[in-house]
Amino acid sequence: MYLNLIQIIISITLIVIIMLQIKGNTSGGVFGGAGVARTRRGLELRLFQITIALSVIFLLISFLSAFLAVRS
């Protein structure tokens, strides 16, 4: 029960963070336009790191949830 709730919270948080990252970039990169490679700094870097961490946590919780579902 708690794992499902945690998954929902993490998924909503991931959606919001990813939307913030897309909104921060020019729309040309989103629709396949040629983008300029640049280094992430400040808040953009922190959002990127949080996205990776939440994705890994979400994946681990999904595996744990599936494992516990099979065992019961």
C-alpha atoms as a PDB file:
ATOM      1  CA  MET A   1       0.000   0.000   0.000  1.00  0.00           C
ATOM      2  CA  TYR A   2       2.688   2.473   1.005  1.00  0.00           C
ATOM      3  CA  LEU A   3       4.877   1.540  -1.948  1.00  0.00           C
ATOM      4  CA  ASN A   4       2.063   2.391  -4.350  1.00  0.00           C
ATOM      5  CA  LEU A   5       1.537   5.759  -2.695  1.00  0.00           C
ATOM      6  CA  ILE A   6       5.267   6.495  -2.836  1.00  0.00           C
ATOM      7  CA  GLN A   7       5.320   5.541  -6.532  1.00  0.00           C
ATOM      8  CA  ILE A   8       2.452   7.922  -7.274  1.00  0.00           C
ATOM      9  CA  ILE A   9       4.154  10.788  -5.438  1.00  0.00           C
ATOM     10  CA  ILE A  10       7.482  10.151  -7.170  1.00  0.00           C
ATOM     11  CA  SER A  11       5.851   9.879 -10.597  1.00  0.00           C
ATOM     12  CA  ILE A  12       3.992  13.175 -10.178  1.00  0.00           C
ATOM     13  CA  THR A  13       7.199  14.823  -8.958  1.00  0.00           C
ATOM     14  CA  LEU A  14       9.110  13.439 -11.950  1.00  0.00           C
ATOM     15  CA  ILE A  15       6.498  14.773 -14.359  1.00  0.00           C
ATOM     16  CA  VAL A  16       6.692  18.243 -12.809  1.00  0.00           C
ATOM     17  CA  ILE A  17      10.501  18.310 -12.815  1.00  0.00           C
ATOM     18  CA  ILE A  18      10.710  17.103 -16.417  1.00  0.00           C
ATOM     19  CA  MET A  19       8.167  19.712 -17.490  1.00  0.00           C
ATOM     20  CA  LEU A  20      10.247  22.393 -15.748  1.00  0.00           C
ATOM     21  CA  GLN A  21      13.319  21.238 -17.638  1.00  0.00           C
ATOM     22  CA  ILE A  22      11.501  21.287 -20.974  1.00  0.00           C
ATOM     23  CA  LYS A  23      10.002  24.703 -20.249  1.00  0.00           C
ATOM     24  CA  GLY A  24      13.460  26.059 -19.447  1.00  0.00           C
ATOM     25  CA  ASN A  25      14.830  24.993 -22.845  1.00  0.00           C
ATOM     26  CA  THR A  26      13.932  26.482 -26.190  1.00  0.00           C
ATOM     27  CA  SER A  27      11.056  24.718 -27.885  1.00  0.00           C
ATOM     28  CA  GLY A  28      13.208  24.039 -30.956  1.00  0.00           C
ATOM     29  CA  GLY A  29      15.054  21.292 -29.109  1.00  0.00           C
ATOM     30  CA  VAL A  30      11.800  19.664 -28.047  1.00  0.00           C
ATOM     31  CA  PHE A  31      10.486  19.396 -31.603  1.00  0.00           C
ATOM     32  CA  GLY A  32      13.693  18.181 -33.218  1.00  0.00           C
ATOM     33  CA  GLY A  33      15.325  21.509 -34.009  1.00  0.00           C
ATOM     34  CA  ALA A  34      19.077  21.866 -33.951  1.00  0.00           C
ATOM     35  CA  GLY A  35      20.182  22.683 -30.435  1.00  0.00           C
ATOM     36  CA  VAL A  36      23.398  24.067 -29.044  1.00  0.00           C
ATOM     37  CA  ALA A  37      25.306  21.832 -26.635  1.00  0.00           C
ATOM     38  CA  ARG A  38      25.963  23.603 -23.360  1.00  0.00           C
ATOM     39  CA  THR A  39      26.858  22.810 -19.779  1.00  0.00           C
ATOM     40  CA  ARG A  40      24.166  22.575 -17.136  1.00  0.00           C
ATOM     41  CA  ARG A  41      24.691  24.973 -14.255  1.00  0.00           C
ATOM     42  CA  GLY A  42      22.935  26.012 -11.089  1.00  0.00           C
ATOM     43  CA  LEU A  43      19.269  25.125 -10.836  1.00  0.00           C
ATOM     44  CA  GLU A  44      19.282  23.304 -14.173  1.00  0.00           C
ATOM     45  CA  LEU A  45      22.036  20.978 -12.946  1.00  0.00           C
ATOM     46  CA  ARG A  46      20.223  20.380  -9.647  1.00  0.00           C
ATOM     47  CA  LEU A  47      16.944  19.531 -11.468  1.00  0.00           C
ATOM     48  CA  PHE A  48      18.854  17.139 -13.727  1.00  0.00           C
ATOM     49  CA  GLN A  49      20.435  15.379 -10.733  1.00  0.00           C
ATOM     50  CA  ILE A  50      17.097  15.169  -8.898  1.00  0.00           C
ATOM     51  CA  THR A  51      15.488  13.696 -12.024  1.00  0.00           C
ATOM     52  CA  ILE A  52      18.103  10.949 -12.193  1.00  0.00           C
ATOM     53  CA  ALA A  53      17.837  10.190  -8.467  1.00  0.00           C
ATOM     54  CA  LEU A  54      14.027  10.051  -8.517  1.00  0.00           C
ATOM     55  CA  SER A  55      14.090   7.839 -11.625  1.00  0.00           C
ATOM     56  CA  VAL A  56      16.406   5.347  -9.922  1.00  0.00           C
ATOM     57  CA  ILE A  57      14.297   5.377  -6.738  1.00  0.00           C
ATOM     58  CA  PHE A  58      11.135   4.895  -8.789  1.00  0.00           C
ATOM     59  CA  LEU A  59      12.696   1.939 -10.628  1.00  0.00           C
ATOM     60  CA  LEU A  60      13.858   0.307  -7.390  1.00  0.00           C
ATOM     61  CA  ILE A  61      10.453   0.747  -5.757  1.00  0.00           C
ATOM     62  CA  SER A  62       8.791  -0.728  -8.865  1.00  0.00           C
ATOM     63  CA  PHE A  63      11.019  -3.808  -8.695  1.00  0.00           C
ATOM     64  CA  LEU A  64      10.414  -4.140  -4.963  1.00  0.00           C
ATOM     65  CA  SER A  65       6.665  -3.790  -5.438  1.00  0.00           C
ATOM     66  CA  ALA A  66       6.634  -6.432  -8.184  1.00  0.00           C
ATOM     67  CA  PHE A  67       8.782  -8.762  -6.063  1.00  0.00           C
ATOM     68  CA  LEU A  68       6.463  -8.400  -3.079  1.00  0.00           C
ATOM     69  CA  ALA A  69       3.391  -8.944  -5.281  1.00  0.00           C
ATOM     70  CA  VAL A  70       4.802 -12.223  -6.589  1.00  0.00           C
ATOM     71  CA  ARG A  71       5.651 -13.453  -3.104  1.00  0.00           C
ATOM     72  CA  SER A  72       2.166 -12.845  -1.722  1.00  0.00           C
END
